[in-house]
Every structure is written in structure tokens, then in C-alpha cells.
């Protein structure tokens, strides 16, 4: 069966990780032919490993800051998405993240494709703008399924209740780990912005640090709140206990 996955990029991020794992899973099954569409320039490297058996289609559509540029990019995106999906003629198209879901559903109107869309964040804490909200409400019912990570997110889409599937994020667990040799660290991973709320684990750790002297908190990610979070760490005198590690390399 030919499958096509669509996402903005394969940079570091939770949605990108889950999609790459999912694409790799199906490509490992010999009966599937897997294609992956991104908006990145041709030759851009994936942050996460992608099987060599997956065919990557990089459309090379850059972001634009001007209103005219954004409108032009939207029509260019819809044109190239429709052209690529029509050419590939996949049995199922799997799209990740709100605005990409909208673009995929718009570009495949009248193509009679089975579209599975996936929300990877709580919409209550992530604004996509008035127009995109209207388009989401109009277009999401055209999909075959909407995948979300929990019931609270599912409740945001009452009009999709017959099409929603709740699937928590998958993890890869390493067996036979010698826990006695593992450092006592708490790790959190996520973009350094307000939506990810890194301030809560930092403040919680501050209440426990004096009781658990051999534990540390490491935060992986980059983003606009880096300086604010570093100032919070300093104000709590946790410089030796809480570390902003940047993005995984």
C-alpha cells in the first residue's frame, strides 16, 4: 500500500519525531511504499533518522513575512501539494499539525483521497488565527480520521466526535538498563516558549532541590523564552541544579 506523510519540516520537534517514527514503522513493513512530503529545501537534512526506503519530497517553499508573500506562498503550497499528491496517488495521506492539515485538505478537494489528520498540541493554548480557525472548522470534517493525544484535546472538536481517534505519543524504551549506574537527572524536552510552560517544572524542582541534593533538572530545547527561563533559574539560585541544554545535537 502506498502511504504519504506530510509535515512542514523534519527539524527538531515533537510532531516531527512522532511522524518520522510512524513513517519508519510502515516503511519497515515490506508491503508498504512510503513517501514523505515537507516544505523544506531540497537536500535539507532530517533531525530524526528516516529510513532510506522512504522517498522524500522536499517542496522548497520558504516562509514570507509580507501579507502578499504569505498569500502567494499559500497558493503555491496548495498547487504543489495537490500536484505531488495527485502524482503519487497514495492510498492514504497522513498530515501532521493544524495549518498543514488545512493545506492538505484544501489541496486534495475532489481528489477523493483518504486523509488522516493529526493535532499535536492543545488548540486552547495555540492560536492559529481567525481565518485558519474558520478553515479548520469547515475542512476537518472532510478528513477520514482526526488523531489527538488525549481526551481533553478531543473535547475541543465536538463536531469530529465520530472521527476522532485518541493515540498517546509513542516512546522507545531501552530494555535492560542498569539503573544503579544512571545519573539522577530529570529531563524535559520542548521548545522554550510559554505554551510549553517550563516555568512550572523549574518552580516545582526549586521546592525539592534541598531535599534531593544529588538530583538535577535538564531542559532541552531552544526558543524565545530562553532568557526569561535563565533569569528564573538564577532568581531561585538553581544555576548548579537546573540547566538549559539547548537543542539535542
Protein backbone atom coordinates (compact mmCIF):
# COMPACT_ATOMS: atom_id res chain seq x y z
CA UNK A 1 0.00 0.00 0.00
CA UNK A 2 1.31 3.46 -0.88
CA UNK A 3 1.31 5.88 2.04
CA UNK A 4 2.10 9.58 2.02
CA UNK A 5 3.05 11.58 5.13
CA UNK A 6 3.01 15.40 5.10
CA UNK A 7 4.57 17.85 7.57
CA UNK A 8 6.17 21.32 7.43
CA UNK A 9 9.68 20.09 8.18
CA UNK A 10 11.78 17.37 9.76
CA UNK A 11 13.51 19.73 12.18
CA UNK A 12 13.70 19.04 15.92
CA UNK A 13 10.23 18.84 17.44
CA UNK A 14 7.68 16.51 18.96
CA UNK A 15 5.43 16.27 15.89
CA UNK A 16 8.46 15.65 13.69
CA UNK A 17 9.68 12.88 15.99
CA UNK A 18 6.34 11.07 16.03
CA UNK A 19 5.85 11.37 12.27
CA UNK A 20 9.37 10.09 11.49
CA UNK A 21 8.83 7.12 13.82
CA UNK A 22 5.49 6.38 12.21
CA UNK A 23 6.88 6.63 8.67
CA UNK A 24 9.82 4.39 9.61
CA UNK A 25 7.45 1.86 11.17
CA UNK A 26 5.43 1.49 7.98
CA UNK A 27 8.49 1.51 5.74
CA UNK A 28 9.86 -1.44 7.74
CA UNK A 29 6.84 -3.40 6.59
CA UNK A 30 7.74 -4.54 3.11
CA UNK A 31 4.16 -4.33 1.85
CA UNK A 32 4.13 -0.52 2.15
CA UNK A 33 5.63 2.13 -0.13
CA UNK A 34 6.18 5.24 1.99
CA UNK A 35 6.55 8.83 0.76
CA UNK A 36 7.19 11.90 2.92
CA UNK A 37 6.44 15.49 1.83
CA UNK A 38 7.97 18.52 3.57
CA UNK A 39 8.23 22.22 2.71
CA UNK A 40 11.98 22.25 3.27
CA UNK A 41 14.55 22.99 0.53
CA UNK A 42 15.80 20.03 -1.46
CA UNK A 43 18.68 18.36 0.33
CA UNK A 44 17.72 19.59 3.81
CA UNK A 45 18.72 17.08 6.48
CA UNK A 46 16.27 15.48 8.87
CA UNK A 47 16.90 15.93 12.59
CA UNK A 48 15.47 12.46 13.18
CA UNK A 49 16.58 9.30 11.35
CA UNK A 50 14.48 8.45 8.30
CA UNK A 51 14.75 5.08 6.59
CA UNK A 52 16.49 5.07 3.22
CA UNK A 53 13.49 3.22 1.79
CA UNK A 54 11.29 6.31 2.34
CA UNK A 55 11.03 8.63 -0.66
CA UNK A 56 11.41 12.25 0.46
CA UNK A 57 9.73 15.06 -1.49
CA UNK A 58 11.05 18.49 -0.43
CA UNK A 59 8.97 21.27 -1.99
CA UNK A 60 11.35 24.10 -1.05
CA UNK A 61 8.71 26.63 -0.02
CA UNK A 62 10.19 29.35 2.20
CA UNK A 63 8.36 31.44 4.78
CA UNK A 64 7.36 35.03 3.97
CA UNK A 65 6.81 38.00 6.29
CA UNK A 66 4.68 40.18 3.99
CA UNK A 67 0.93 39.72 3.52
CA UNK A 68 1.32 39.44 -0.27
CA UNK A 69 4.14 36.96 0.20
CA UNK A 70 2.04 34.82 2.54
CA UNK A 71 -0.91 34.75 0.13
CA UNK A 72 1.37 33.88 -2.77
CA UNK A 73 3.03 31.17 -0.72
CA UNK A 74 -0.35 29.68 0.22
CA UNK A 75 -1.45 29.29 -3.39
CA UNK A 76 1.98 27.96 -4.35
CA UNK A 77 1.79 25.48 -1.49
CA UNK A 78 -1.68 24.29 -2.47
CA UNK A 79 -0.64 23.92 -6.10
CA UNK A 80 2.50 21.89 -5.35
CA UNK A 81 0.83 19.78 -2.68
CA UNK A 82 -2.04 18.87 -4.98
CA UNK A 83 0.34 18.17 -7.87
CA UNK A 84 2.60 15.94 -5.75
CA UNK A 85 -0.21 14.02 -4.05
CA UNK A 86 -2.04 13.56 -7.34
CA UNK A 87 1.14 12.23 -8.98
CA UNK A 88 1.93 9.85 -6.11
CA UNK A 89 -1.69 8.66 -5.91
CA UNK A 90 -1.34 7.27 -2.34
CA UNK A 91 -3.95 5.07 -0.70
CA UNK A 92 -3.80 7.17 2.48
CA UNK A 93 -2.40 10.64 3.22
CA UNK A 94 -1.34 11.33 6.82
CA UNK A 95 -0.92 15.00 7.73
CA UNK A 96 0.61 16.42 10.92
CA UNK A 97 -0.09 19.80 12.58
CA UNK A 98 -3.01 22.22 12.25
CA UNK A 99 -2.05 24.56 9.40
CA UNK A 100 -0.61 21.71 7.34
CA UNK A 101 -3.81 19.74 7.92
CA UNK A 102 -5.77 22.66 6.49
CA UNK A 103 -3.46 22.92 3.47
CA UNK A 104 -3.65 19.18 2.75
CA UNK A 105 -7.45 19.11 2.98
CA UNK A 106 -7.75 22.19 0.75
CA UNK A 107 -5.31 20.85 -1.84
CA UNK A 108 -6.99 17.44 -2.10
CA UNK A 109 -10.59 18.59 -2.59
CA UNK A 110 -12.24 16.42 -5.29
CA UNK A 111 -9.27 14.03 -5.39
CA UNK A 112 -11.21 11.52 -3.28
CA UNK A 113 -8.26 10.69 -1.03
CA UNK A 114 -8.45 9.18 2.45
CA UNK A 115 -6.90 11.89 4.63
CA UNK A 116 -5.88 11.24 8.23
CA UNK A 117 -5.03 14.46 10.08
CA UNK A 118 -3.30 14.85 13.43
CA UNK A 119 -3.32 17.65 16.00
CA UNK A 120 -0.09 17.60 18.02
CA UNK A 121 -0.84 20.39 20.51
CA UNK A 122 -3.71 21.64 22.66
CA UNK A 123 -5.60 24.15 20.44
CA UNK A 124 -6.74 26.08 23.53
CA UNK A 125 -3.16 27.23 24.08
CA UNK A 126 -2.06 27.63 20.48
CA UNK A 127 -3.69 30.28 18.31
CA UNK A 128 -3.70 29.79 14.53
CA UNK A 129 -5.70 32.94 13.80
CA UNK A 130 -9.34 33.64 12.96
CA UNK A 131 -9.19 32.62 9.31
CA UNK A 132 -7.39 29.36 9.99
CA UNK A 133 -9.84 28.58 12.80
CA UNK A 134 -12.74 29.00 10.37
CA UNK A 135 -10.99 26.86 7.77
CA UNK A 136 -10.26 24.18 10.37
CA UNK A 137 -13.92 24.04 11.37
CA UNK A 138 -15.03 23.77 7.73
CA UNK A 139 -12.35 21.39 6.46
CA UNK A 140 -11.62 18.94 9.30
CA UNK A 141 -14.92 17.07 8.76
CA UNK A 142 -13.66 16.21 5.26
CA UNK A 143 -10.94 14.01 6.77
CA UNK A 144 -11.26 10.28 7.38
CA UNK A 145 -9.88 10.48 10.93
CA UNK A 146 -8.54 13.08 13.35
CA UNK A 147 -5.82 11.79 15.69
CA UNK A 148 -5.23 13.56 19.02
CA UNK A 149 -3.17 12.65 22.08
CA UNK A 150 -5.80 12.78 24.81
CA UNK A 151 -9.46 13.21 25.72
CA UNK A 152 -9.03 16.84 26.76
CA UNK A 153 -7.83 17.74 23.25
CA UNK A 154 -10.57 15.60 21.71
CA UNK A 155 -13.17 17.63 23.60
CA UNK A 156 -12.11 20.71 21.62
CA UNK A 157 -13.54 19.09 18.48
CA UNK A 158 -17.14 18.06 19.33
CA UNK A 159 -18.04 18.24 15.64
CA UNK A 160 -15.44 15.48 14.99
CA UNK A 161 -16.53 13.07 17.74
CA UNK A 162 -17.35 10.26 15.29
CA UNK A 163 -14.00 10.62 13.56
CA UNK A 164 -11.61 11.20 16.46
CA UNK A 165 -9.02 8.60 17.47
CA UNK A 166 -7.01 9.12 20.67
CA UNK A 167 -3.44 7.82 20.35
CA UNK A 168 -0.88 8.90 23.00
CA UNK A 169 2.67 9.65 21.89
CA UNK A 170 4.81 6.57 21.49
CA UNK A 171 8.15 6.16 23.25
CA UNK A 172 11.11 3.90 22.62
CA UNK A 173 12.07 2.12 25.81
CA UNK A 174 15.57 0.73 26.21
CA UNK A 175 15.47 -2.62 27.95
CA UNK A 176 17.98 -3.99 30.45
CA UNK A 177 19.15 -0.60 31.73
CA UNK A 178 21.35 -0.73 34.84
CA UNK A 179 19.55 1.90 36.91
CA UNK A 180 22.25 1.92 39.58
CA UNK A 181 24.67 3.49 37.08
CA UNK A 182 22.25 6.08 35.71
CA UNK A 183 22.69 9.71 36.79
CA UNK A 184 19.88 11.15 38.87
CA UNK A 185 18.51 13.59 36.34
CA UNK A 186 15.07 14.83 35.43
CA UNK A 187 14.84 15.62 31.72
CA UNK A 188 12.25 17.74 29.97
CA UNK A 189 12.21 18.41 26.24
CA UNK A 190 10.29 21.11 24.41
CA UNK A 191 10.52 24.45 22.67
CA UNK A 192 11.27 27.28 25.08
CA UNK A 193 8.03 29.22 24.76
CA UNK A 194 5.13 29.98 27.09
CA UNK A 195 2.89 27.28 25.68
CA UNK A 196 5.32 24.58 26.86
CA UNK A 197 5.27 26.05 30.41
CA UNK A 198 8.81 25.20 31.51
CA UNK A 199 8.38 27.55 34.47
CA UNK A 200 6.21 25.01 36.31
CA UNK A 201 8.83 22.19 36.49
CA UNK A 202 11.52 24.73 37.39
CA UNK A 203 9.47 26.10 40.30
CA UNK A 204 8.48 22.58 41.37
CA UNK A 205 12.12 21.47 41.35
CA UNK A 206 13.02 24.50 43.47
CA UNK A 207 10.75 23.14 46.21
CA UNK A 208 12.53 19.77 46.14
CA UNK A 209 16.15 20.65 45.42
CA UNK A 210 17.18 20.99 49.07
CA UNK A 211 15.77 17.51 49.86
CA UNK A 212 17.31 15.75 46.86
CA UNK A 213 20.81 17.14 46.62
CA UNK A 214 22.05 14.59 44.08
CA UNK A 215 19.31 15.31 41.52
CA UNK A 216 19.43 17.81 38.66
CA UNK A 217 16.92 19.12 36.11
CA UNK A 218 17.97 19.40 32.46
CA UNK A 219 15.81 21.20 29.90
CA UNK A 220 16.40 20.55 26.20
CA UNK A 221 15.08 22.98 23.60
CA UNK A 222 15.50 26.44 22.08
CA UNK A 223 13.06 29.32 21.85
CA UNK A 224 12.15 32.92 22.70
CA UNK A 225 11.73 32.29 26.45
CA UNK A 226 15.34 31.17 26.98
CA UNK A 227 16.47 34.37 28.69
CA UNK A 228 13.32 34.55 30.84
CA UNK A 229 13.80 30.96 31.99
CA UNK A 230 17.50 31.54 32.72
CA UNK A 231 16.58 34.58 34.82
CA UNK A 232 14.05 32.48 36.74
CA UNK A 233 16.69 29.83 37.41
CA UNK A 234 19.09 32.49 38.68
CA UNK A 235 16.45 34.11 40.89
CA UNK A 236 15.86 30.72 42.56
CA UNK A 237 19.63 30.13 42.95
CA UNK A 238 19.40 26.95 40.90
CA UNK A 239 22.26 27.60 38.45
CA UNK A 240 24.06 24.41 39.55
CA UNK A 241 20.91 22.31 39.62
CA UNK A 242 18.83 23.37 36.60
CA UNK A 243 20.50 23.60 33.21
CA UNK A 244 19.19 24.80 29.86
CA UNK A 245 20.91 22.37 27.50
CA UNK A 246 19.77 23.75 24.15
CA UNK A 247 18.59 21.50 21.33
CA UNK A 248 19.68 17.89 21.03
CA UNK A 249 22.63 17.53 18.68
